[in-house]
Amino acid sequence: MQWIEKLPDRLESSLQRLLDDVENHEDSYMEAQNASVGQIWVGMATMNQRLEKMEDMVRAHRKALREADIDVDRHLDNELEDSLKNY
């Protein structure tokens, strides 16, 4: 796929990793009425799994910070306010 090679390096690399992950499920999406659409759905499900994993990690980090008596939301609000003042 030559169009992929025209993407910026980081985007190309990210897409290639996703395609490699999706390819592991080729037997499944090839049975779809439209294999291309099935492949896209598998790609979306793969991305959703990654997102859910990241959300779980963020929740765990926030919990650990709360247990250490660090008010995460206050720090985020202050940093956002400071950042917005710069613009």
PDB file of N, CA and C in Angstrom:
ATOM      1  N   MET A   1       0.839  -1.178   0.000  1.00  0.00           N
ATOM      2  CA  MET A   1       0.000   0.000   0.000  1.00  0.00           C
ATOM      3  C   MET A   1       0.883   1.239   0.000  1.00  0.00           C
ATOM      4  N   GLN A   2       1.057   1.810  -1.153  1.00  0.00           N
ATOM      5  CA  GLN A   2       1.966   2.940  -1.306  1.00  0.00           C
ATOM      6  C   GLN A   2       1.498   4.182  -0.569  1.00  0.00           C
ATOM      7  N   TRP A   3       0.195   4.363  -0.421  1.00  0.00           N
ATOM      8  CA  TRP A   3      -0.287   5.569   0.246  1.00  0.00           C
ATOM      9  C   TRP A   3       0.190   5.630   1.690  1.00  0.00           C
ATOM     10  N   ILE A   4       0.370   4.469   2.316  1.00  0.00           N
ATOM     11  CA  ILE A   4       0.827   4.437   3.707  1.00  0.00           C
ATOM     12  C   ILE A   4       2.239   5.007   3.804  1.00  0.00           C
ATOM     13  N   GLU A   5       3.052   4.727   2.821  1.00  0.00           N
ATOM     14  CA  GLU A   5       4.438   5.195   2.824  1.00  0.00           C
ATOM     15  C   GLU A   5       4.536   6.711   2.707  1.00  0.00           C
ATOM     16  N   LYS A   6       3.470   7.367   2.296  1.00  0.00           N
ATOM     17  CA  LYS A   6       3.460   8.823   2.165  1.00  0.00           C
ATOM     18  C   LYS A   6       3.084   9.515   3.476  1.00  0.00           C
ATOM     19  N   LEU A   7       2.690   8.735   4.468  1.00  0.00           N
ATOM     20  CA  LEU A   7       2.337   9.302   5.769  1.00  0.00           C
ATOM     21  C   LEU A   7       3.597   9.714   6.524  1.00  0.00           C
ATOM     22  N   PRO A   8       3.459  10.650   7.469  1.00  0.00           N
ATOM     23  CA  PRO A   8       4.603  10.956   8.343  1.00  0.00           C
ATOM     24  C   PRO A   8       5.048   9.684   9.066  1.00  0.00           C
ATOM     25  N   ASP A   9       6.326   9.595   9.381  1.00  0.00           N
ATOM     26  CA  ASP A   9       6.915   8.371   9.935  1.00  0.00           C
ATOM     27  C   ASP A   9       6.158   7.826  11.148  1.00  0.00           C
ATOM     28  N   ARG A  10       5.863   8.694  12.112  1.00  0.00           N
ATOM     29  CA  ARG A  10       5.187   8.221  13.331  1.00  0.00           C
ATOM     30  C   ARG A  10       3.807   7.663  13.024  1.00  0.00           C
ATOM     31  N   LEU A  11       3.084   8.322  12.126  1.00  0.00           N
ATOM     32  CA  LEU A  11       1.749   7.866  11.758  1.00  0.00           C
ATOM     33  C   LEU A  11       1.823   6.556  10.986  1.00  0.00           C
ATOM     34  N   GLU A  12       2.781   6.470  10.081  1.00  0.00           N
ATOM     35  CA  GLU A  12       2.972   5.240   9.319  1.00  0.00           C
ATOM     36  C   GLU A  12       3.298   4.073  10.256  1.00  0.00           C
ATOM     37  N   SER A  13       4.174   4.304  11.192  1.00  0.00           N
ATOM     38  CA  SER A  13       4.573   3.269  12.144  1.00  0.00           C
ATOM     39  C   SER A  13       3.387   2.825  12.998  1.00  0.00           C
ATOM     40  N   SER A  14       2.603   3.783  13.455  1.00  0.00           N
ATOM     41  CA  SER A  14       1.433   3.483  14.271  1.00  0.00           C
ATOM     42  C   SER A  14       0.414   2.669  13.471  1.00  0.00           C
ATOM     43  N   LEU A  15       0.170   3.085  12.240  1.00  0.00           N
ATOM     44  CA  LEU A  15      -0.778   2.369  11.392  1.00  0.00           C
ATOM     45  C   LEU A  15      -0.290   0.958  11.107  1.00  0.00           C
ATOM     46  N   GLN A  16       0.997   0.816  10.867  1.00  0.00           N
ATOM     47  CA  GLN A  16       1.540  -0.509  10.572  1.00  0.00           C
ATOM     48  C   GLN A  16       1.375  -1.448  11.764  1.00  0.00           C
ATOM     49  N   ARG A  17       1.596  -0.930  12.979  1.00  0.00           N
ATOM     50  CA  ARG A  17       1.399  -1.763  14.177  1.00  0.00           C
ATOM     51  C   ARG A  17      -0.062  -2.178  14.308  1.00  0.00           C
ATOM     52  N   LEU A  18      -0.968  -1.247  14.025  1.00  0.00           N
ATOM     53  CA  LEU A  18      -2.393  -1.566  14.087  1.00  0.00           C
ATOM     54  C   LEU A  18      -2.746  -2.627  13.042  1.00  0.00           C
ATOM     55  N   LEU A  19      -2.252  -2.463  11.829  1.00  0.00           N
ATOM     56  CA  LEU A  19      -2.534  -3.444  10.777  1.00  0.00           C
ATOM     57  C   LEU A  19      -1.977  -4.819  11.139  1.00  0.00           C
ATOM     58  N   ASP A  20      -0.814  -4.839  11.762  1.00  0.00           N
ATOM     59  CA  ASP A  20      -0.227  -6.115  12.196  1.00  0.00           C
ATOM     60  C   ASP A  20      -1.122  -6.781  13.242  1.00  0.00           C
ATOM     61  N   ASP A  21      -1.643  -5.982  14.186  1.00  0.00           N
ATOM     62  CA  ASP A  21      -2.554  -6.532  15.203  1.00  0.00           C
ATOM     63  C   ASP A  21      -3.847  -7.044  14.583  1.00  0.00           C
ATOM     64  N   VAL A  22      -4.379  -6.279  13.644  1.00  0.00           N
ATOM     65  CA  VAL A  22      -5.641  -6.657  12.991  1.00  0.00           C
ATOM     66  C   VAL A  22      -5.449  -7.930  12.172  1.00  0.00           C
ATOM     67  N   GLU A  23      -4.310  -8.063  11.553  1.00  0.00           N
ATOM     68  CA  GLU A  23      -4.033  -9.234  10.710  1.00  0.00           C
ATOM     69  C   GLU A  23      -4.125 -10.536  11.504  1.00  0.00           C
ATOM     70  N   ASN A  24      -3.898 -10.462  12.804  1.00  0.00           N
ATOM     71  CA  ASN A  24      -4.014 -11.656  13.646  1.00  0.00           C
ATOM     72  C   ASN A  24      -5.433 -12.223  13.659  1.00  0.00           C
ATOM     73  N   HIS A  25      -6.399 -11.414  13.228  1.00  0.00           N
ATOM     74  CA  HIS A  25      -7.804 -11.834  13.243  1.00  0.00           C
ATOM     75  C   HIS A  25      -8.360 -11.994  11.825  1.00  0.00           C
ATOM     76  N   GLU A  26      -7.460 -12.191  10.886  1.00  0.00           N
ATOM     77  CA  GLU A  26      -7.858 -12.274   9.475  1.00  0.00           C
ATOM     78  C   GLU A  26      -8.884 -13.384   9.235  1.00  0.00           C
ATOM     79  N   ASP A  27      -8.736 -14.513   9.901  1.00  0.00           N
ATOM     80  CA  ASP A  27      -9.685 -15.611   9.705  1.00  0.00           C
ATOM     81  C   ASP A  27     -11.112 -15.167  10.026  1.00  0.00           C
ATOM     82  N   SER A  28     -11.254 -14.318  11.012  1.00  0.00           N
ATOM     83  CA  SER A  28     -12.590 -13.861  11.410  1.00  0.00           C
ATOM     84  C   SER A  28     -13.168 -12.869  10.410  1.00  0.00           C
ATOM     85  N   TYR A  29     -12.437 -11.795  10.107  1.00  0.00           N
ATOM     86  CA  TYR A  29     -13.041 -10.767   9.251  1.00  0.00           C
ATOM     87  C   TYR A  29     -13.146 -11.200   7.790  1.00  0.00           C
ATOM     88  N   MET A  30     -12.393 -12.193   7.389  1.00  0.00           N
ATOM     89  CA  MET A  30     -12.531 -12.688   6.015  1.00  0.00           C
ATOM     90  C   MET A  30     -13.856 -13.412   5.805  1.00  0.00           C
ATOM     91  N   GLU A  31     -14.501 -13.824   6.887  1.00  0.00           N
ATOM     92  CA  GLU A  31     -15.812 -14.467   6.788  1.00  0.00           C
ATOM     93  C   GLU A  31     -16.959 -13.462   6.730  1.00  0.00           C
ATOM     94  N   ALA A  32     -16.665 -12.190   6.904  1.00  0.00           N
ATOM     95  CA  ALA A  32     -17.695 -11.151   6.848  1.00  0.00           C
ATOM     96  C   ALA A  32     -18.200 -11.014   5.420  1.00  0.00           C
ATOM     97  N   GLN A  33     -19.408 -10.517   5.298  1.00  0.00           N
ATOM     98  CA  GLN A  33     -19.982 -10.289   3.974  1.00  0.00           C
ATOM     99  C   GLN A  33     -19.094  -9.346   3.169  1.00  0.00           C
ATOM    100  N   ASN A  34     -18.524  -8.347   3.841  1.00  0.00           N
ATOM    101  CA  ASN A  34     -17.579  -7.433   3.218  1.00  0.00           C
ATOM    102  C   ASN A  34     -16.320  -7.447   4.085  1.00  0.00           C
ATOM    103  N   ALA A  35     -15.294  -8.148   3.627  1.00  0.00           N
ATOM    104  CA  ALA A  35     -14.078  -8.347   4.423  1.00  0.00           C
ATOM    105  C   ALA A  35     -13.403  -7.028   4.781  1.00  0.00           C
ATOM    106  N   SER A  36     -13.436  -6.056   3.876  1.00  0.00           N
ATOM    107  CA  SER A  36     -12.807  -4.762   4.165  1.00  0.00           C
ATOM    108  C   SER A  36     -13.487  -4.065   5.334  1.00  0.00           C
ATOM    109  N   VAL A  37     -14.797  -4.117   5.343  1.00  0.00           N
ATOM    110  CA  VAL A  37     -15.551  -3.507   6.445  1.00  0.00           C
ATOM    111  C   VAL A  37     -15.280  -4.286   7.733  1.00  0.00           C
ATOM    112  N   GLY A  38     -15.239  -5.598   7.638  1.00  0.00           N
ATOM    113  CA  GLY A  38     -14.919  -6.415   8.806  1.00  0.00           C
ATOM    114  C   GLY A  38     -13.549  -6.076   9.362  1.00  0.00           C
ATOM    115  N   GLN A  39     -12.595  -5.860   8.465  1.00  0.00           N
ATOM    116  CA  GLN A  39     -11.240  -5.497   8.888  1.00  0.00           C
ATOM    117  C   GLN A  39     -11.253  -4.154   9.617  1.00  0.00           C
ATOM    118  N   ILE A  40     -12.015  -3.218   9.113  1.00  0.00           N
ATOM    119  CA  ILE A  40     -12.117  -1.909   9.769  1.00  0.00           C
ATOM    120  C   ILE A  40     -12.710  -2.059  11.172  1.00  0.00           C
ATOM    121  N   TRP A  41     -13.761  -2.878  11.298  1.00  0.00           N
ATOM    122  CA  TRP A  41     -14.379  -3.079  12.618  1.00  0.00           C
ATOM    123  C   TRP A  41     -13.414  -3.743  13.590  1.00  0.00           C
ATOM    124  N   VAL A  42     -12.625  -4.681  13.094  1.00  0.00           N
ATOM    125  CA  VAL A  42     -11.622  -5.314  13.957  1.00  0.00           C
ATOM    126  C   VAL A  42     -10.587  -4.278  14.382  1.00  0.00           C
ATOM    127  N   GLY A  43     -10.201  -3.407  13.460  1.00  0.00           N
ATOM    128  CA  GLY A  43      -9.271  -2.330  13.793  1.00  0.00           C
ATOM    129  C   GLY A  43      -9.845  -1.396  14.844  1.00  0.00           C
ATOM    130  N   MET A  44     -11.116  -1.066  14.704  1.00  0.00           N
ATOM    131  CA  MET A  44     -11.768  -0.200  15.691  1.00  0.00           C
ATOM    132  C   MET A  44     -11.843  -0.893  17.049  1.00  0.00           C
ATOM    133  N   ALA A  45     -12.144  -2.180  17.055  1.00  0.00           N
ATOM    134  CA  ALA A  45     -12.205  -2.922  18.318  1.00  0.00           C
ATOM    135  C   ALA A  45     -10.827  -2.980  18.968  1.00  0.00           C
ATOM    136  N   THR A  46      -9.794  -3.145  18.157  1.00  0.00           N
ATOM    137  CA  THR A  46      -8.422  -3.165  18.668  1.00  0.00           C
ATOM    138  C   THR A  46      -8.072  -1.817  19.292  1.00  0.00           C
ATOM    139  N   MET A  47      -8.418  -0.739  18.611  1.00  0.00           N
ATOM    140  CA  MET A  47      -8.163   0.595  19.154  1.00  0.00           C
ATOM    141  C   MET A  47      -8.967   0.825  20.430  1.00  0.00           C
ATOM    142  N   ASN A  48     -10.197   0.330  20.468  1.00  0.00           N
ATOM    143  CA  ASN A  48     -11.022   0.470  21.663  1.00  0.00           C
ATOM    144  C   ASN A  48     -10.394  -0.270  22.842  1.00  0.00           C
ATOM    145  N   GLN A  49      -9.844  -1.449  22.601  1.00  0.00           N
ATOM    146  CA  GLN A  49      -9.156  -2.189  23.668  1.00  0.00           C
ATOM    147  C   GLN A  49      -7.979  -1.390  24.207  1.00  0.00           C
ATOM    148  N   ARG A  50      -7.228  -0.782  23.306  1.00  0.00           N
ATOM    149  CA  ARG A  50      -6.081   0.029  23.730  1.00  0.00           C
ATOM    150  C   ARG A  50      -6.544   1.217  24.572  1.00  0.00           C
ATOM    151  N   LEU A  51      -7.622   1.854  24.135  1.00  0.00           N
ATOM    152  CA  LEU A  51      -8.159   2.995  24.865  1.00  0.00           C
ATOM    153  C   LEU A  51      -8.643   2.581  26.255  1.00  0.00           C
ATOM    154  N   GLU A  52      -9.359   1.459  26.324  1.00  0.00           N
ATOM    155  CA  GLU A  52      -9.830   0.971  27.615  1.00  0.00           C
ATOM    156  C   GLU A  52      -8.669   0.657  28.551  1.00  0.00           C
ATOM    157  N   LYS A  53      -7.602   0.095  28.020  1.00  0.00           N
ATOM    158  CA  LYS A  53      -6.418  -0.203  28.836  1.00  0.00           C
ATOM    159  C   LYS A  53      -5.808   1.091  29.376  1.00  0.00           C
ATOM    160  N   MET A  54      -5.729   2.106  28.527  1.00  0.00           N
ATOM    161  CA  MET A  54      -5.190   3.385  28.971  1.00  0.00           C
ATOM    162  C   MET A  54      -6.082   4.007  30.046  1.00  0.00           C
ATOM    163  N   GLU A  55      -7.395   3.924  29.858  1.00  0.00           N
ATOM    164  CA  GLU A  55      -8.321   4.473  30.854  1.00  0.00           C
ATOM    165  C   GLU A  55      -8.154   3.753  32.187  1.00  0.00           C
ATOM    166  N   ASP A  56      -7.980   2.435  32.141  1.00  0.00           N
ATOM    167  CA  ASP A  56      -7.750   1.674  33.375  1.00  0.00           C
ATOM    168  C   ASP A  56      -6.461   2.128  34.057  1.00  0.00           C
ATOM    169  N   MET A  57      -5.433   2.366  33.271  1.00  0.00           N
ATOM    170  CA  MET A  57      -4.162   2.811  33.834  1.00  0.00           C
ATOM    171  C   MET A  57      -4.302   4.195  34.465  1.00  0.00           C
ATOM    172  N   VAL A  58      -5.015   5.087  33.799  1.00  0.00           N
ATOM    173  CA  VAL A  58      -5.213   6.435  34.341  1.00  0.00           C
ATOM    174  C   VAL A  58      -5.997   6.366  35.647  1.00  0.00           C
ATOM    175  N   ARG A  59      -7.052   5.538  35.673  1.00  0.00           N
ATOM    176  CA  ARG A  59      -7.822   5.383  36.913  1.00  0.00           C
ATOM    177  C   ARG A  59      -6.944   4.866  38.041  1.00  0.00           C
ATOM    178  N   ALA A  60      -6.085   3.901  37.744  1.00  0.00           N
ATOM    179  CA  ALA A  60      -5.192   3.349  38.765  1.00  0.00           C
ATOM    180  C   ALA A  60      -4.211   4.410  39.260  1.00  0.00           C
ATOM    181  N   HIS A  61      -3.682   5.215  38.352  1.00  0.00           N
ATOM    182  CA  HIS A  61      -2.763   6.282  38.750  1.00  0.00           C
ATOM    183  C   HIS A  61      -3.473   7.317  39.613  1.00  0.00           C
ATOM    184  N   ARG A  62      -4.671   7.697  39.198  1.00  0.00           N
ATOM    185  CA  ARG A  62      -5.437   8.689  39.970  1.00  0.00           C
ATOM    186  C   ARG A  62      -5.755   8.146  41.361  1.00  0.00           C
ATOM    187  N   LYS A  63      -6.098   6.874  41.448  1.00  0.00           N
ATOM    188  CA  LYS A  63      -6.395   6.264  42.745  1.00  0.00           C
ATOM    189  C   LYS A  63      -5.162   6.292  43.637  1.00  0.00           C
ATOM    190  N   ALA A  64      -4.010   5.939  43.067  1.00  0.00           N
ATOM    191  CA  ALA A  64      -2.768   5.936  43.839  1.00  0.00           C
ATOM    192  C   ALA A  64      -2.433   7.342  44.324  1.00  0.00           C
ATOM    193  N   LEU A  65      -2.643   8.332  43.481  1.00  0.00           N
ATOM    194  CA  LEU A  65      -2.372   9.711  43.891  1.00  0.00           C
ATOM    195  C   LEU A  65      -3.329  10.164  44.986  1.00  0.00           C
ATOM    196  N   ARG A  66      -4.597   9.796  44.864  1.00  0.00           N
ATOM    197  CA  ARG A  66      -5.573  10.140  45.913  1.00  0.00           C
ATOM    198  C   ARG A  66      -5.186   9.490  47.229  1.00  0.00           C
ATOM    199  N   GLU A  67      -4.744   8.232  47.178  1.00  0.00           N
ATOM    200  CA  GLU A  67      -4.330   7.526  48.390  1.00  0.00           C
ATOM    201  C   GLU A  67      -3.088   8.161  49.016  1.00  0.00           C
ATOM    202  N   ALA A  68      -2.313   8.870  48.200  1.00  0.00           N
ATOM    203  CA  ALA A  68      -1.143   9.587  48.705  1.00  0.00           C
ATOM    204  C   ALA A  68      -1.521  11.019  49.099  1.00  0.00           C
ATOM    205  N   ASP A  69      -2.819  11.267  49.225  1.00  0.00           N
ATOM    206  CA  ASP A  69      -3.361  12.581  49.603  1.00  0.00           C
ATOM    207  C   ASP A  69      -2.950  13.695  48.650  1.00  0.00           C
ATOM    208  N   ILE A  70      -2.904  13.378  47.366  1.00  0.00           N
ATOM    209  CA  ILE A  70      -2.634  14.385  46.342  1.00  0.00           C
ATOM    210  C   ILE A  70      -3.941  14.655  45.620  1.00  0.00           C
ATOM    211  N   ASP A  71      -4.375  15.907  45.650  1.00  0.00           N
ATOM    212  CA  ASP A  71      -5.627  16.293  44.995  1.00  0.00           C
ATOM    213  C   ASP A  71      -5.358  16.488  43.503  1.00  0.00           C
ATOM    214  N   VAL A  72      -5.541  15.426  42.761  1.00  0.00           N
ATOM    215  CA  VAL A  72      -5.219  15.425  41.330  1.00  0.00           C
ATOM    216  C   VAL A  72      -6.020  16.481  40.589  1.00  0.00           C
ATOM    217  N   ASP A  73      -7.316  16.565  40.868  1.00  0.00           N
ATOM    218  CA  ASP A  73      -8.164  17.507  40.136  1.00  0.00           C
ATOM    219  C   ASP A  73      -7.743  18.955  40.382  1.00  0.00           C
ATOM    220  N   ARG A  74      -7.360  19.280  41.614  1.00  0.00           N
ATOM    221  CA  ARG A  74      -6.930  20.650  41.914  1.00  0.00           C
ATOM    222  C   ARG A  74      -5.670  20.984  41.132  1.00  0.00           C
ATOM    223  N   HIS A  75      -4.730  20.040  41.075  1.00  0.00           N
ATOM    224  CA  HIS A  75      -3.498  20.274  40.331  1.00  0.00           C
ATOM    225  C   HIS A  75      -3.777  20.423  38.839  1.00  0.00           C
ATOM    226  N   LEU A  76      -4.663  19.601  38.324  1.00  0.00           N
ATOM    227  CA  LEU A  76      -4.996  19.700  36.904  1.00  0.00           C
ATOM    228  C   LEU A  76      -5.667  21.028  36.605  1.00  0.00           C
ATOM    229  N   ASP A  77      -6.591  21.446  37.465  1.00  0.00           N
ATOM    230  CA  ASP A  77      -7.286  22.716  37.257  1.00  0.00           C
ATOM    231  C   ASP A  77      -6.312  23.886  37.306  1.00  0.00           C
ATOM    232  N   ASN A  78      -5.404  23.879  38.282  1.00  0.00           N
ATOM    233  CA  ASN A  78      -4.427  24.966  38.399  1.00  0.00           C
ATOM    234  C   ASN A  78      -3.502  25.010  37.194  1.00  0.00           C
ATOM    235  N   GLU A  79      -3.044  23.853  36.746  1.00  0.00           N
ATOM    236  CA  GLU A  79      -2.154  23.809  35.589  1.00  0.00           C
ATOM    237  C   GLU A  79      -2.876  24.273  34.330  1.00  0.00           C
ATOM    238  N   LEU A  80      -4.129  23.877  34.184  1.00  0.00           N
ATOM    239  CA  LEU A  80      -4.903  24.314  33.023  1.00  0.00           C
ATOM    240  C   LEU A  80      -5.112  25.822  33.068  1.00  0.00           C
ATOM    241  N   GLU A  81      -5.458  26.337  34.226  1.00  0.00           N
ATOM    242  CA  GLU A  81      -5.648  27.778  34.372  1.00  0.00           C
ATOM    243  C   GLU A  81      -4.365  28.534  34.039  1.00  0.00           C
ATOM    244  N   ASP A  82      -3.236  28.066  34.576  1.00  0.00           N
ATOM    245  CA  ASP A  82      -1.948  28.703  34.279  1.00  0.00           C
ATOM    246  C   ASP A  82      -1.629  28.645  32.789  1.00  0.00           C
ATOM    247  N   SER A  83      -1.907  27.514  32.187  1.00  0.00           N
ATOM    248  CA  SER A  83      -1.641  27.344  30.764  1.00  0.00           C
ATOM    249  C   SER A  83      -2.500  28.288  29.938  1.00  0.00           C
ATOM    250  N   LEU A  84      -3.778  28.409  30.303  1.00  0.00           N
ATOM    251  CA  LEU A  84      -4.680  29.280  29.544  1.00  0.00           C
ATOM    252  C   LEU A  84      -4.302  30.754  29.692  1.00  0.00           C
ATOM    253  N   LYS A  85      -3.722  31.127  30.837  1.00  0.00           N
ATOM    254  CA  LYS A  85      -3.301  32.510  31.037  1.00  0.00           C
ATOM    255  C   LYS A  85      -2.187  32.878  30.065  1.00  0.00           C
ATOM    256  N   ASN A  86      -1.420  31.887  29.633  1.00  0.00           N
ATOM    257  CA  ASN A  86      -0.325  32.146  28.696  1.00  0.00           C
ATOM    258  C   ASN A  86      -0.811  32.446  27.281  1.00  0.00           C
ATOM    259  N   TYR A  87      -2.085  32.188  27.022  1.00  0.00           N
ATOM    260  CA  TYR A  87      -2.595  32.373  25.660  1.00  0.00           C
ATOM    261  C   TYR A  87      -3.597  33.457  25.578  1.00  0.00           C
TER     262      TYR A  87
END
